[in-house]
């Protein structure tokens, strides 16, 4: 064994001969706060977009590492975005109500994800939270509280739809992610929940900072009665006095958001302990659940694990999975923290939890400052050095004779971490033991014997996005509303069936939004969905397009799109537009301000056209229905980026027979493609 726990009993002669000073920590059965669990967040936004495209058995294997009890992360909580049709970090997630008279509880993938989580852990806690809202909710205003009764009804319908169509009981619902709250709305939401038979659905407020929600709860008894949990984001393991005075349950309802290498694992290990030690937070939820989106989008690989290659089947079980397991596999919501938790004398922390039936779990971490930096907030300086720590179990725990031991040790010199390894059981004498701790270690000592480091066969090797790719969107009964691998960045692109049958274009992909949503980020004024490999530079892309808006409509295909997520408004690339007024334009930006070429096209709404775009080096050219429309447009930057489709504004438009060939100027039909059917 490369490393181990060195245990010394105080009655051992050998211990006295080799040991140095050891601080003693007392653990008795005096109980503190109730533990609510560790969770992951899917959404905020579109962070699970690529997961649904994985073939079996790889998709199920990934889900096992996240949710299966006593296997991997064994998460207790799943929090999902209530899709609002707008950009919410890495893409848009579709709403269950694009329009007021429209209800569809099968859009997107969050319903599917919640069911898969429940399949593995029937007791998992489910949470829904809006980031954005469809335009109709605000009645023309970018504000969801203008008509709070409409917004409350909209959110309650999502909860009812989860139960009616998917047999999912939502346990908690939030207000508006990281935005201002409205006391009237919160009270009205509580009223509507109760009126709809959802008395057991509890409210979290307000998924932002500790203030001003804490002070508002202290000053407004009716508001306090409506709110069950104060949820803070990225609290830095601390809380504020006003939050404690409310006597509400306190959660870190979004945390981590850090690159999932070993330093990210160290960040996660530290805050899982210290969110309670320093801030009395009884649940910690990771953004994001899984990095299953194009890595070049904002916050690439900021998940518990990585699954961003459905075309290859490759995924990576990153260190945060196993750091989660140190707590999640040996506790359950409803256990309680002991009051005797805290910091170690030479740095690090320890927590202890019990089920109240004699079981005990102790988690110790000694993560050093530079090896546990989270993306936010700044981490004040502190030091950790090697130490011996003695634990004296008191009360009923003093009769415990043996503890199971699981250990993780980071080695930042060799980057060869040993994660979540079972050690030899620890024999106790008179409830006392001493453990030798080095820097950057995590240990779990527990009476439970059910822990397991789950293992599936290695997934296929990593490979880039296929250079030859087509999709004709001919899907009669789609399992999901979105076409594989397209990542909507503004707008919503869904499978669509034309009625009556329109021959070659019966089944298409349609952009369905006609109004700008109540946004969370800086959505573009155009709609856009990206696909492919961000490193692509020379390529051909072709797509059939259909404008539905008369005179003012417009659509595009694009290459070398260099930005997505919250920066989508400033995306650059090569954009080939045709408009319903009979013109075309070639621009170097999504906003359409940097014009490379323009002229008449003869295009109009209500007819299908085939657009072809070729980019090679610093030159680009385009065809309409197979005939050259423009040539030799000079493109100096960007040098590479995604392929994309989209519309001039929030308008109905259709796309069909998409094809891309990267790496050369050969005919699009010269070689076989990876084809989606």
Foldseek 3Di string as FASTA:
>chain_A
DPDAWDWDAPVDPVCVVPDDDAAEFEFEDAFDFFFAWEAFEAALHCQCVFLVLADPPLSVVVLCQQDAFQAWLNGQEYEYEQFAQAFRFFFGFDHLPLDPPHGDLQADCPLVSVLSNCVRPVRRAYEYEYAFHHAVCVVNDLDNVPPLLSNLVSVVVNQVSSCPPRVDHHQEYEAHAQDDHDLVSLLSNCVVCVVVVNNRYAYEPHNAALPDVLVVCVVDVSSVVSHAEYEYEQPLLAHDPSNVVSVHAYAPAEYFLAAQAQLSLLQLLQSVFSNCQHHVHNYYYYPHQERQDPQLAPSRRRHCWYDPCSVQSATGRTNNRQSSCLPSNFDHRRWTKTPRWHAGPQGWTKTKTDNVPQKIKMKTAQEADVSHDGPDDDHDHDGHAKHKYKYAYDDSLQPDFKWWKWKKAADVVVSDIDGGHTDDIDGHDSRMMMITDGHGMMMMTIPDPSRDHHDDPHTGDDDFFDLWEKEQQPDDDDSHQDDRFWGKQHFDWGWAADPPQPPSPRIWIKRAFQDHISHNAPGAQWIKIWGGGQAFFWKKKKKKKAAADWPAKKKWKWFNFNHGRRCQNFTFGWIWMDGQNQKIFIAGGPLRPHTQDMDGHHHHHPDIWMKMWGGDDQWIWIDINPHTPGTGRGHPDDRGGTIMIIIPGRGIMTIGTIIMRTDDDDDSPPDDHDYDD
